[in-house]
Amino acid sequence: MTKPARRPYHHGNLPEVLAAAAEAVVREVGVHDFSLRECARRAGVAHSAPGHHFGDVTGLLSEVAARGFDRLTLSMRQERGGATGPDALKRIGRGYVAFALRDPAIFELMFHSDRVDGNNPRLKEAGDTAFAELVNAVAQARGTDVRDEEALRFAWAGVHGAAMLLINGVFSGRGHGAKSGPKIDGIVERIVFTILHYE
């Protein structure tokens, strides 16, 4: 009796599977050594599959970065909770840095303009949503509805710079933010203090 031909494996949600595989590859080999071929191999699909869904390596990495911004937004919102005023900004800052330390490879990709497409609608929306958390927190901390660009730049540069220094082990001396909780708190406290007293 002739055996029936084996049907190829079919993913129920291939874009999701590919994006998850891409995240894993980025975490293991870094942004610069990422390849569509390895991503497809991890997902168990043809080498052409990522291109069909995301266009090219930039398209796929842009989706991975967008997913990172989604999680960054969630981290800031969870850390903030129901806090208001200056305390909200402190918590937002801690949520920002905490996310970066949890997922440093994806965090690096999110701000790597040569590997992602800044005009990608999905990435742009995710990034804008994350940045809006900081915008609102700075406004609340300063007790105004007026958007202060200098205060925003200072707050963003402060938490982002702190995150990168902690990831690189400059503050902790052990890499990837080891035992950095008190350092995060102290850094964010100083950032908020400066913003509140900025004229």
N, C-alpha and C. Protein backbone atom coordinates (compact mmCIF):
# COMPACT_ATOMS: atom_id res chain seq x y z
N MET A 1 0.85 -1.19 0.00
CA MET A 1 0.00 0.00 0.00
C MET A 1 0.89 1.24 0.00
N THR A 2 0.56 2.18 -0.86
CA THR A 2 1.36 3.39 -0.99
C THR A 2 1.08 4.31 0.18
N LYS A 3 2.17 4.82 0.80
CA LYS A 3 2.02 5.75 1.91
C LYS A 3 1.63 7.12 1.38
N PRO A 4 0.74 7.82 2.07
CA PRO A 4 0.37 9.17 1.62
C PRO A 4 1.56 10.11 1.75
N ALA A 5 1.65 11.04 0.82
CA ALA A 5 2.75 12.01 0.85
C ALA A 5 2.67 12.85 2.12
N ARG A 6 3.83 13.12 2.72
CA ARG A 6 3.86 13.94 3.92
C ARG A 6 3.57 15.39 3.57
N ARG A 7 2.67 15.97 4.32
CA ARG A 7 2.34 17.38 4.09
C ARG A 7 3.36 18.26 4.81
N PRO A 8 3.78 19.33 4.20
CA PRO A 8 4.73 20.22 4.87
C PRO A 8 4.12 20.80 6.13
N TYR A 9 4.99 21.03 7.12
CA TYR A 9 4.51 21.60 8.37
C TYR A 9 3.98 23.00 8.12
N HIS A 10 2.82 23.29 8.72
CA HIS A 10 2.21 24.60 8.51
C HIS A 10 2.05 25.33 9.84
N HIS A 11 2.63 26.50 9.93
CA HIS A 11 2.49 27.30 11.14
C HIS A 11 1.15 28.02 11.11
N GLY A 12 0.47 28.03 12.24
CA GLY A 12 -0.80 28.74 12.30
C GLY A 12 -0.64 30.23 12.17
N ASN A 13 0.47 30.78 12.67
CA ASN A 13 0.72 32.22 12.60
C ASN A 13 2.19 32.42 12.28
N LEU A 14 2.53 32.28 11.02
CA LEU A 14 3.93 32.31 10.61
C LEU A 14 4.63 33.62 10.92
N PRO A 15 4.00 34.80 10.69
CA PRO A 15 4.69 36.04 11.05
C PRO A 15 5.10 36.09 12.53
N GLU A 16 4.22 35.59 13.40
CA GLU A 16 4.54 35.57 14.83
C GLU A 16 5.70 34.62 15.11
N VAL A 17 5.68 33.46 14.47
CA VAL A 17 6.75 32.48 14.65
C VAL A 17 8.08 33.05 14.18
N LEU A 18 8.06 33.71 13.03
CA LEU A 18 9.28 34.29 12.47
C LEU A 18 9.81 35.41 13.36
N ALA A 19 8.91 36.26 13.86
CA ALA A 19 9.34 37.36 14.72
C ALA A 19 9.95 36.83 16.01
N ALA A 20 9.34 35.78 16.57
CA ALA A 20 9.88 35.19 17.80
C ALA A 20 11.25 34.55 17.53
N ALA A 21 11.39 33.89 16.38
CA ALA A 21 12.68 33.30 16.03
C ALA A 21 13.73 34.39 15.83
N ALA A 22 13.33 35.48 15.20
CA ALA A 22 14.25 36.59 14.97
C ALA A 22 14.72 37.19 16.29
N GLU A 23 13.82 37.33 17.25
CA GLU A 23 14.20 37.82 18.57
C GLU A 23 15.26 36.92 19.20
N ALA A 24 15.04 35.63 19.09
CA ALA A 24 15.98 34.67 19.68
C ALA A 24 17.36 34.79 19.03
N VAL A 25 17.38 34.95 17.70
CA VAL A 25 18.65 35.07 17.00
C VAL A 25 19.38 36.35 17.41
N VAL A 26 18.64 37.46 17.49
CA VAL A 26 19.25 38.73 17.90
C VAL A 26 19.86 38.60 19.29
N ARG A 27 19.13 37.94 20.19
CA ARG A 27 19.64 37.80 21.56
C ARG A 27 20.89 36.93 21.61
N GLU A 28 20.99 35.96 20.72
CA GLU A 28 22.12 35.03 20.77
C GLU A 28 23.35 35.52 20.02
N VAL A 29 23.16 36.15 18.85
CA VAL A 29 24.31 36.53 18.03
C VAL A 29 24.50 38.03 17.90
N GLY A 30 23.51 38.81 18.35
CA GLY A 30 23.63 40.26 18.26
C GLY A 30 23.01 40.82 17.00
N VAL A 31 22.95 42.13 16.95
CA VAL A 31 22.30 42.84 15.85
C VAL A 31 23.06 42.65 14.54
N HIS A 32 24.36 42.78 14.57
CA HIS A 32 25.14 42.81 13.33
C HIS A 32 25.29 41.45 12.68
N ASP A 33 25.22 40.37 13.45
CA ASP A 33 25.40 39.03 12.88
C ASP A 33 24.07 38.35 12.56
N PHE A 34 22.99 39.09 12.67
CA PHE A 34 21.67 38.53 12.39
C PHE A 34 21.55 38.17 10.90
N SER A 35 20.87 37.04 10.59
CA SER A 35 20.63 36.66 9.20
C SER A 35 19.24 36.07 9.04
N LEU A 36 18.62 36.34 7.90
CA LEU A 36 17.31 35.77 7.61
C LEU A 36 17.38 34.25 7.50
N ARG A 37 18.46 33.74 6.96
CA ARG A 37 18.61 32.30 6.79
C ARG A 37 18.56 31.59 8.14
N GLU A 38 19.28 32.11 9.13
CA GLU A 38 19.27 31.50 10.45
C GLU A 38 17.90 31.63 11.10
N CYS A 39 17.26 32.75 10.89
CA CYS A 39 15.92 32.95 11.42
C CYS A 39 14.96 31.91 10.85
N ALA A 40 15.00 31.70 9.53
CA ALA A 40 14.13 30.72 8.88
C ALA A 40 14.43 29.31 9.41
N ARG A 41 15.71 29.01 9.60
CA ARG A 41 16.07 27.69 10.12
C ARG A 41 15.48 27.48 11.51
N ARG A 42 15.57 28.49 12.36
CA ARG A 42 15.02 28.37 13.71
C ARG A 42 13.50 28.17 13.68
N ALA A 43 12.85 28.85 12.72
CA ALA A 43 11.39 28.77 12.62
C ALA A 43 10.94 27.49 11.92
N GLY A 44 11.89 26.78 11.28
CA GLY A 44 11.55 25.55 10.59
C GLY A 44 10.80 25.76 9.30
N VAL A 45 11.14 26.86 8.60
CA VAL A 45 10.45 27.17 7.34
C VAL A 45 11.48 27.40 6.23
N ALA A 46 10.99 27.55 5.00
CA ALA A 46 11.86 27.80 3.86
C ALA A 46 12.60 29.12 4.04
N HIS A 47 13.79 29.20 3.45
CA HIS A 47 14.60 30.42 3.57
C HIS A 47 13.91 31.65 3.00
N SER A 48 12.97 31.43 2.09
CA SER A 48 12.28 32.56 1.48
C SER A 48 11.12 33.08 2.32
N ALA A 49 10.71 32.33 3.34
CA ALA A 49 9.52 32.69 4.12
C ALA A 49 9.61 34.06 4.79
N PRO A 50 10.73 34.43 5.44
CA PRO A 50 10.80 35.75 6.07
C PRO A 50 10.60 36.88 5.05
N GLY A 51 11.15 36.71 3.87
CA GLY A 51 11.00 37.74 2.84
C GLY A 51 9.57 37.91 2.38
N HIS A 52 8.82 36.81 2.32
CA HIS A 52 7.43 36.88 1.90
C HIS A 52 6.60 37.71 2.87
N HIS A 53 6.92 37.63 4.15
CA HIS A 53 6.11 38.29 5.17
C HIS A 53 6.63 39.67 5.57
N PHE A 54 7.95 39.85 5.52
CA PHE A 54 8.52 41.10 6.02
C PHE A 54 9.34 41.86 4.97
N GLY A 55 9.45 41.32 3.78
CA GLY A 55 10.16 42.01 2.71
C GLY A 55 11.64 41.73 2.68
N ASP A 56 12.35 42.07 3.74
CA ASP A 56 13.79 41.86 3.80
C ASP A 56 14.22 41.86 5.26
N VAL A 57 15.52 41.78 5.48
CA VAL A 57 16.03 41.71 6.85
C VAL A 57 15.66 42.97 7.63
N THR A 58 15.65 44.14 6.98
CA THR A 58 15.28 45.37 7.67
C THR A 58 13.83 45.33 8.11
N GLY A 59 12.96 44.79 7.24
CA GLY A 59 11.56 44.70 7.60
C GLY A 59 11.32 43.80 8.80
N LEU A 60 12.01 42.67 8.85
CA LEU A 60 11.85 41.75 9.97
C LEU A 60 12.43 42.35 11.25
N LEU A 61 13.60 42.95 11.15
CA LEU A 61 14.20 43.54 12.35
C LEU A 61 13.39 44.74 12.83
N SER A 62 12.72 45.43 11.91
CA SER A 62 11.85 46.54 12.32
C SER A 62 10.68 46.02 13.15
N GLU A 63 10.16 44.86 12.78
CA GLU A 63 9.09 44.24 13.57
C GLU A 63 9.60 43.81 14.93
N VAL A 64 10.79 43.26 14.98
CA VAL A 64 11.38 42.86 16.26
C VAL A 64 11.57 44.10 17.15
N ALA A 65 12.04 45.19 16.56
CA ALA A 65 12.22 46.42 17.32
C ALA A 65 10.88 46.95 17.81
N ALA A 66 9.85 46.88 16.97
CA ALA A 66 8.52 47.34 17.37
C ALA A 66 8.00 46.54 18.56
N ARG A 67 8.23 45.22 18.52
CA ARG A 67 7.83 44.38 19.65
C ARG A 67 8.59 44.79 20.91
N GLY A 68 9.84 45.20 20.74
CA GLY A 68 10.61 45.68 21.87
C GLY A 68 10.00 46.94 22.45
N PHE A 69 9.59 47.87 21.60
CA PHE A 69 8.95 49.10 22.09
C PHE A 69 7.63 48.78 22.78
N ASP A 70 6.89 47.79 22.28
CA ASP A 70 5.66 47.37 22.96
C ASP A 70 5.96 46.94 24.39
N ARG A 71 7.02 46.16 24.56
CA ARG A 71 7.36 45.68 25.90
C ARG A 71 7.94 46.80 26.76
N LEU A 72 8.64 47.74 26.14
CA LEU A 72 9.14 48.89 26.89
C LEU A 72 7.98 49.69 27.45
N THR A 73 6.96 49.92 26.62
CA THR A 73 5.77 50.65 27.08
C THR A 73 5.12 49.91 28.24
N LEU A 74 4.99 48.61 28.11
CA LEU A 74 4.39 47.82 29.17
C LEU A 74 5.21 47.90 30.46
N SER A 75 6.53 47.85 30.33
CA SER A 75 7.40 47.93 31.50
C SER A 75 7.22 49.26 32.23
N MET A 76 7.16 50.35 31.47
CA MET A 76 6.98 51.67 32.08
C MET A 76 5.62 51.79 32.74
N ARG A 77 4.58 51.29 32.07
CA ARG A 77 3.22 51.37 32.63
C ARG A 77 3.09 50.53 33.89
N GLN A 78 3.66 49.34 33.87
CA GLN A 78 3.58 48.48 35.05
C GLN A 78 4.33 49.08 36.23
N GLU A 79 5.50 49.65 35.95
CA GLU A 79 6.29 50.25 37.03
C GLU A 79 5.59 51.50 37.57
N ARG A 80 4.96 52.24 36.69
CA ARG A 80 4.27 53.47 37.12
C ARG A 80 3.06 53.16 37.99
N GLY A 81 2.29 52.16 37.60
CA GLY A 81 1.08 51.84 38.36
C GLY A 81 0.14 53.03 38.39
N GLY A 82 -0.32 53.39 39.57
CA GLY A 82 -1.23 54.53 39.70
C GLY A 82 -0.54 55.79 40.18
N ALA A 83 0.79 55.83 40.11
CA ALA A 83 1.54 57.00 40.59
C ALA A 83 1.25 58.23 39.74
N THR A 84 1.33 59.39 40.37
CA THR A 84 1.14 60.67 39.68
C THR A 84 2.24 61.63 40.10
N GLY A 85 2.30 62.78 39.40
CA GLY A 85 3.28 63.81 39.75
C GLY A 85 4.71 63.33 39.57
N PRO A 86 5.64 63.87 40.33
CA PRO A 86 7.04 63.49 40.20
C PRO A 86 7.29 62.00 40.39
N ASP A 87 6.51 61.37 41.25
CA ASP A 87 6.71 59.94 41.49
C ASP A 87 6.44 59.13 40.22
N ALA A 88 5.50 59.59 39.39
CA ALA A 88 5.21 58.90 38.14
C ALA A 88 6.45 58.90 37.24
N LEU A 89 7.15 60.03 37.17
CA LEU A 89 8.35 60.12 36.34
C LEU A 89 9.46 59.23 36.88
N LYS A 90 9.59 59.17 38.19
CA LYS A 90 10.60 58.28 38.78
C LYS A 90 10.33 56.83 38.40
N ARG A 91 9.08 56.44 38.48
CA ARG A 91 8.72 55.05 38.18
C ARG A 91 8.86 54.75 36.70
N ILE A 92 8.48 55.72 35.85
CA ILE A 92 8.64 55.55 34.41
C ILE A 92 10.12 55.34 34.07
N GLY A 93 10.96 56.16 34.67
CA GLY A 93 12.41 56.05 34.42
C GLY A 93 12.94 54.70 34.84
N ARG A 94 12.48 54.23 35.99
CA ARG A 94 12.93 52.92 36.45
C ARG A 94 12.44 51.81 35.52
N GLY A 95 11.20 51.94 35.04
CA GLY A 95 10.67 50.95 34.11
C GLY A 95 11.44 50.92 32.80
N TYR A 96 11.89 52.09 32.35
CA TYR A 96 12.68 52.20 31.12
C TYR A 96 14.01 51.46 31.28
N VAL A 97 14.72 51.78 32.35
CA VAL A 97 16.03 51.17 32.57
C VAL A 97 15.89 49.67 32.85
N ALA A 98 14.87 49.30 33.61
CA ALA A 98 14.68 47.89 33.94
C ALA A 98 14.45 47.05 32.69
N PHE A 99 13.67 47.58 31.75
CA PHE A 99 13.46 46.85 30.50
C PHE A 99 14.77 46.67 29.75
N ALA A 100 15.55 47.74 29.66
CA ALA A 100 16.82 47.67 28.94
C ALA A 100 17.74 46.61 29.53
N LEU A 101 17.75 46.49 30.85
CA LEU A 101 18.62 45.51 31.51
C LEU A 101 18.10 44.09 31.34
N ARG A 102 16.79 43.95 31.22
CA ARG A 102 16.21 42.62 31.01
C ARG A 102 16.47 42.09 29.61
N ASP A 103 16.51 42.98 28.62
CA ASP A 103 16.61 42.55 27.23
C ASP A 103 17.57 43.46 26.45
N PRO A 104 18.85 43.45 26.82
CA PRO A 104 19.80 44.41 26.24
C PRO A 104 19.99 44.29 24.74
N ALA A 105 19.94 43.07 24.18
CA ALA A 105 20.15 42.91 22.74
C ALA A 105 19.00 43.54 21.95
N ILE A 106 17.77 43.32 22.40
CA ILE A 106 16.62 43.92 21.73
C ILE A 106 16.63 45.44 21.94
N PHE A 107 17.01 45.87 23.12
CA PHE A 107 17.09 47.31 23.41
C PHE A 107 18.07 47.98 22.46
N GLU A 108 19.21 47.35 22.22
CA GLU A 108 20.19 47.90 21.28
C GLU A 108 19.60 47.99 19.88
N LEU A 109 18.92 46.94 19.45
CA LEU A 109 18.32 46.94 18.12
C LEU A 109 17.32 48.07 17.95
N MET A 110 16.52 48.35 18.97
CA MET A 110 15.47 49.36 18.88
C MET A 110 16.02 50.73 18.49
N PHE A 111 17.26 50.99 18.83
CA PHE A 111 17.84 52.30 18.55
C PHE A 111 18.97 52.22 17.53
N HIS A 112 19.00 51.12 16.77
CA HIS A 112 20.03 50.92 15.74
C HIS A 112 19.46 51.33 14.39
N SER A 113 19.65 52.57 14.01
CA SER A 113 18.99 53.10 12.81
C SER A 113 19.46 52.43 11.52
N ASP A 114 20.64 51.80 11.53
CA ASP A 114 21.14 51.19 10.30
C ASP A 114 20.59 49.78 10.09
N ARG A 115 19.88 49.22 11.06
CA ARG A 115 19.30 47.89 10.90
C ARG A 115 17.78 47.90 10.87
N VAL A 116 17.16 49.02 11.19
CA VAL A 116 15.70 49.11 11.18
C VAL A 116 15.27 50.28 10.31
N ASP A 117 14.00 50.27 9.91
CA ASP A 117 13.43 51.32 9.07
C ASP A 117 12.61 52.26 9.93
N GLY A 118 13.14 53.45 10.16
CA GLY A 118 12.44 54.42 11.00
C GLY A 118 11.11 54.87 10.45
N ASN A 119 10.88 54.64 9.16
CA ASN A 119 9.60 55.02 8.56
C ASN A 119 8.60 53.88 8.53
N ASN A 120 8.99 52.72 9.05
CA ASN A 120 8.08 51.58 9.12
C ASN A 120 6.90 51.96 10.01
N PRO A 121 5.67 51.92 9.50
CA PRO A 121 4.50 52.37 10.28
C PRO A 121 4.34 51.65 11.61
N ARG A 122 4.54 50.35 11.61
CA ARG A 122 4.39 49.57 12.85
C ARG A 122 5.44 49.99 13.88
N LEU A 123 6.68 50.16 13.43
CA LEU A 123 7.75 50.56 14.34
C LEU A 123 7.53 51.98 14.84
N LYS A 124 7.12 52.86 13.93
CA LYS A 124 6.91 54.26 14.31
C LYS A 124 5.80 54.38 15.36
N GLU A 125 4.71 53.66 15.16
CA GLU A 125 3.61 53.73 16.12
C GLU A 125 4.03 53.19 17.48
N ALA A 126 4.75 52.08 17.49
CA ALA A 126 5.20 51.50 18.75
C ALA A 126 6.16 52.43 19.48
N GLY A 127 7.08 53.04 18.72
CA GLY A 127 8.03 53.97 19.32
C GLY A 127 7.36 55.22 19.86
N ASP A 128 6.39 55.75 19.10
CA ASP A 128 5.66 56.94 19.55
C ASP A 128 4.86 56.66 20.82
N THR A 129 4.28 55.47 20.89
CA THR A 129 3.51 55.10 22.08
C THR A 129 4.40 55.04 23.31
N ALA A 130 5.59 54.46 23.15
CA ALA A 130 6.53 54.39 24.28
C ALA A 130 6.97 55.79 24.68
N PHE A 131 7.30 56.64 23.71
CA PHE A 131 7.78 57.98 24.02
C PHE A 131 6.69 58.81 24.69
N ALA A 132 5.43 58.56 24.33
CA ALA A 132 4.32 59.30 24.93
C ALA A 132 4.26 59.09 26.44
N GLU A 133 4.69 57.91 26.90
CA GLU A 133 4.72 57.66 28.34
C GLU A 133 5.67 58.63 29.03
N LEU A 134 6.81 58.86 28.41
CA LEU A 134 7.79 59.79 28.97
C LEU A 134 7.30 61.23 28.87
N VAL A 135 6.70 61.57 27.74
CA VAL A 135 6.15 62.92 27.55
C VAL A 135 5.15 63.25 28.66
N ASN A 136 4.22 62.34 28.88
CA ASN A 136 3.18 62.57 29.88
C ASN A 136 3.75 62.62 31.29
N ALA A 137 4.74 61.78 31.57
CA ALA A 137 5.32 61.75 32.91
C ALA A 137 6.10 63.03 33.20
N VAL A 138 6.83 63.53 32.21
CA VAL A 138 7.57 64.79 32.40
C VAL A 138 6.60 65.94 32.63
N ALA A 139 5.52 65.99 31.86
CA ALA A 139 4.52 67.04 32.02
C ALA A 139 3.89 67.00 33.41
N GLN A 140 3.57 65.79 33.87
CA GLN A 140 2.99 65.65 35.21
C GLN A 140 3.98 66.06 36.28
N ALA A 141 5.23 65.67 36.12
CA ALA A 141 6.24 66.01 37.12
C ALA A 141 6.41 67.52 37.24
N ARG A 142 6.32 68.20 36.09
CA ARG A 142 6.50 69.66 36.09
C ARG A 142 5.19 70.41 36.31
N GLY A 143 4.10 69.67 36.40
CA GLY A 143 2.81 70.29 36.69
C GLY A 143 2.32 71.22 35.62
N THR A 144 2.53 70.82 34.35
CA THR A 144 2.11 71.68 33.24
C THR A 144 1.65 70.83 32.07
N ASP A 145 0.79 71.40 31.23
CA ASP A 145 0.35 70.73 30.01
C ASP A 145 1.23 71.10 28.82
N VAL A 146 2.15 72.03 29.05
CA VAL A 146 3.02 72.50 27.96
C VAL A 146 4.17 71.51 27.79
N ARG A 147 4.39 71.09 26.55
CA ARG A 147 5.47 70.14 26.27
C ARG A 147 6.80 70.88 26.27
N ASP A 148 7.67 70.52 27.19
CA ASP A 148 8.98 71.14 27.33
C ASP A 148 10.01 70.23 26.66
N GLU A 149 10.44 70.64 25.47
CA GLU A 149 11.35 69.79 24.68
C GLU A 149 12.69 69.59 25.37
N GLU A 150 13.21 70.62 26.00
CA GLU A 150 14.52 70.49 26.66
C GLU A 150 14.43 69.52 27.84
N ALA A 151 13.36 69.63 28.61
CA ALA A 151 13.19 68.72 29.75
C ALA A 151 13.02 67.29 29.25
N LEU A 152 12.30 67.12 28.16
CA LEU A 152 12.12 65.79 27.58
C LEU A 152 13.44 65.20 27.13
N ARG A 153 14.22 65.99 26.41
CA ARG A 153 15.51 65.50 25.93
C ARG A 153 16.41 65.12 27.10
N PHE A 154 16.38 65.93 28.14
CA PHE A 154 17.21 65.64 29.31
C PHE A 154 16.77 64.33 29.97
N ALA A 155 15.46 64.19 30.15
CA ALA A 155 14.94 62.98 30.80
C ALA A 155 15.27 61.75 29.98
N TRP A 156 15.05 61.82 28.67
CA TRP A 156 15.31 60.66 27.81
C TRP A 156 16.80 60.33 27.78
N ALA A 157 17.63 61.38 27.61
CA ALA A 157 19.07 61.15 27.58
C ALA A 157 19.55 60.56 28.90
N GLY A 158 18.95 61.01 30.00
CA GLY A 158 19.37 60.53 31.30
C GLY A 158 19.07 59.05 31.50
N VAL A 159 17.81 58.65 31.26
CA VAL A 159 17.46 57.25 31.50
C VAL A 159 18.09 56.33 30.46
N HIS A 160 18.18 56.81 29.21
CA HIS A 160 18.77 55.98 28.16
C HIS A 160 20.27 55.81 28.39
N GLY A 161 20.93 56.91 28.73
CA GLY A 161 22.36 56.83 29.00
C GLY A 161 22.67 55.95 30.20
N ALA A 162 21.85 56.07 31.24
CA ALA A 162 22.04 55.23 32.41
C ALA A 162 21.88 53.76 32.04
N ALA A 163 20.86 53.47 31.21
CA ALA A 163 20.62 52.09 30.79
C ALA A 163 21.83 51.53 30.05
N MET A 164 22.38 52.30 29.11
CA MET A 164 23.51 51.82 28.32
C MET A 164 24.75 51.62 29.19
N LEU A 165 24.99 52.52 30.13
CA LEU A 165 26.15 52.39 31.01
C LEU A 165 26.02 51.16 31.91
N LEU A 166 24.80 50.92 32.38
CA LEU A 166 24.58 49.74 33.21
C LEU A 166 24.72 48.46 32.41
N ILE A 167 24.19 48.45 31.19
CA ILE A 167 24.32 47.28 30.32
C ILE A 167 25.78 46.96 30.08
N ASN A 168 26.58 47.99 29.86
CA ASN A 168 28.01 47.80 29.57
C ASN A 168 28.86 47.59 30.81
N GLY A 169 28.21 47.58 31.97
CA GLY A 169 28.93 47.29 33.20
C GLY A 169 29.77 48.43 33.74
N VAL A 170 29.55 49.64 33.23
CA VAL A 170 30.37 50.77 33.68
C VAL A 170 30.09 51.09 35.14
N PHE A 171 28.81 51.04 35.54
CA PHE A 171 28.46 51.36 36.92
C PHE A 171 28.63 50.16 37.84
N SER A 172 28.22 48.98 37.34
CA SER A 172 28.23 47.80 38.20
C SER A 172 29.57 47.10 38.22
N GLY A 173 30.33 47.24 37.12
CA GLY A 173 31.61 46.57 37.03
C GLY A 173 31.52 45.10 36.69
N ARG A 174 30.28 44.61 36.43
CA ARG A 174 30.12 43.19 36.18
C ARG A 174 29.29 42.91 34.93
N GLY A 175 28.90 43.93 34.22
CA GLY A 175 28.19 43.74 32.95
C GLY A 175 26.72 43.49 33.13
N HIS A 176 25.95 43.94 32.17
CA HIS A 176 24.51 43.71 32.09
C HIS A 176 23.77 44.09 33.37
N GLY A 177 24.21 45.16 33.98
CA GLY A 177 23.45 45.74 35.09
C GLY A 177 23.40 44.91 36.35
N ALA A 178 24.40 44.11 36.60
CA ALA A 178 24.38 43.26 37.78
C ALA A 178 24.22 44.09 39.06
N LYS A 179 23.30 43.68 39.92
CA LYS A 179 23.05 44.33 41.20
C LYS A 179 22.91 45.84 41.05
N SER A 180 22.10 46.26 40.07
CA SER A 180 22.04 47.69 39.74
C SER A 180 20.82 48.40 40.31
N GLY A 181 19.97 47.68 41.06
CA GLY A 181 18.75 48.30 41.57
C GLY A 181 18.96 49.62 42.27
N PRO A 182 19.79 49.68 43.32
CA PRO A 182 20.02 50.96 44.01
C PRO A 182 20.60 52.03 43.09
N LYS A 183 21.43 51.63 42.14
CA LYS A 183 22.02 52.60 41.21
C LYS A 183 20.94 53.22 40.33
N ILE A 184 20.02 52.38 39.84
CA ILE A 184 18.93 52.90 39.02
C ILE A 184 18.14 53.93 39.80
N ASP A 185 17.78 53.59 41.04
CA ASP A 185 16.99 54.50 41.86
C ASP A 185 17.69 55.84 42.05
N GLY A 186 18.98 55.78 42.38
CA GLY A 186 19.73 57.01 42.60
C GLY A 186 19.83 57.86 41.35
N ILE A 187 20.08 57.23 40.21
CA ILE A 187 20.20 57.96 38.96
C ILE A 187 18.88 58.61 38.59
N VAL A 188 17.80 57.84 38.66
CA VAL A 188 16.49 58.38 38.29
C VAL A 188 16.08 59.50 39.25
N GLU A 189 16.36 59.35 40.53
CA GLU A 189 16.05 60.40 41.49
C GLU A 189 16.74 61.72 41.10
N ARG A 190 18.00 61.63 40.69
CA ARG A 190 18.75 62.84 40.32
C ARG A 190 18.19 63.45 39.04
N ILE A 191 17.80 62.61 38.09
CA ILE A 191 17.21 63.12 36.84
C ILE A 191 15.93 63.88 37.14
N VAL A 192 15.07 63.29 37.96
CA VAL A 192 13.79 63.92 38.29
C VAL A 192 14.03 65.22 39.07
N PHE A 193 14.96 65.20 40.01
CA PHE A 193 15.27 66.41 40.77
C PHE A 193 15.69 67.55 39.84
N THR A 194 16.55 67.22 38.88
CA THR A 194 17.04 68.24 37.95
C THR A 194 15.90 68.78 37.08
N ILE A 195 15.03 67.90 36.61
CA ILE A 195 13.90 68.35 35.78
C ILE A 195 12.96 69.24 36.57
N LEU A 196 12.70 68.90 37.83
CA LEU A 196 11.79 69.68 38.66
C LEU A 196 12.34 71.08 38.95
N HIS A 197 13.66 71.18 39.01
CA HIS A 197 14.28 72.47 39.34
C HIS A 197 14.84 73.19 38.13
N TYR A 198 14.55 72.63 36.95
CA TYR A 198 15.03 73.28 35.73
C TYR A 198 14.17 74.48 35.39
N GLU A 199 14.76 75.56 35.03
CA GLU A 199 14.04 76.79 34.66
C GLU A 199 14.33 77.13 33.21
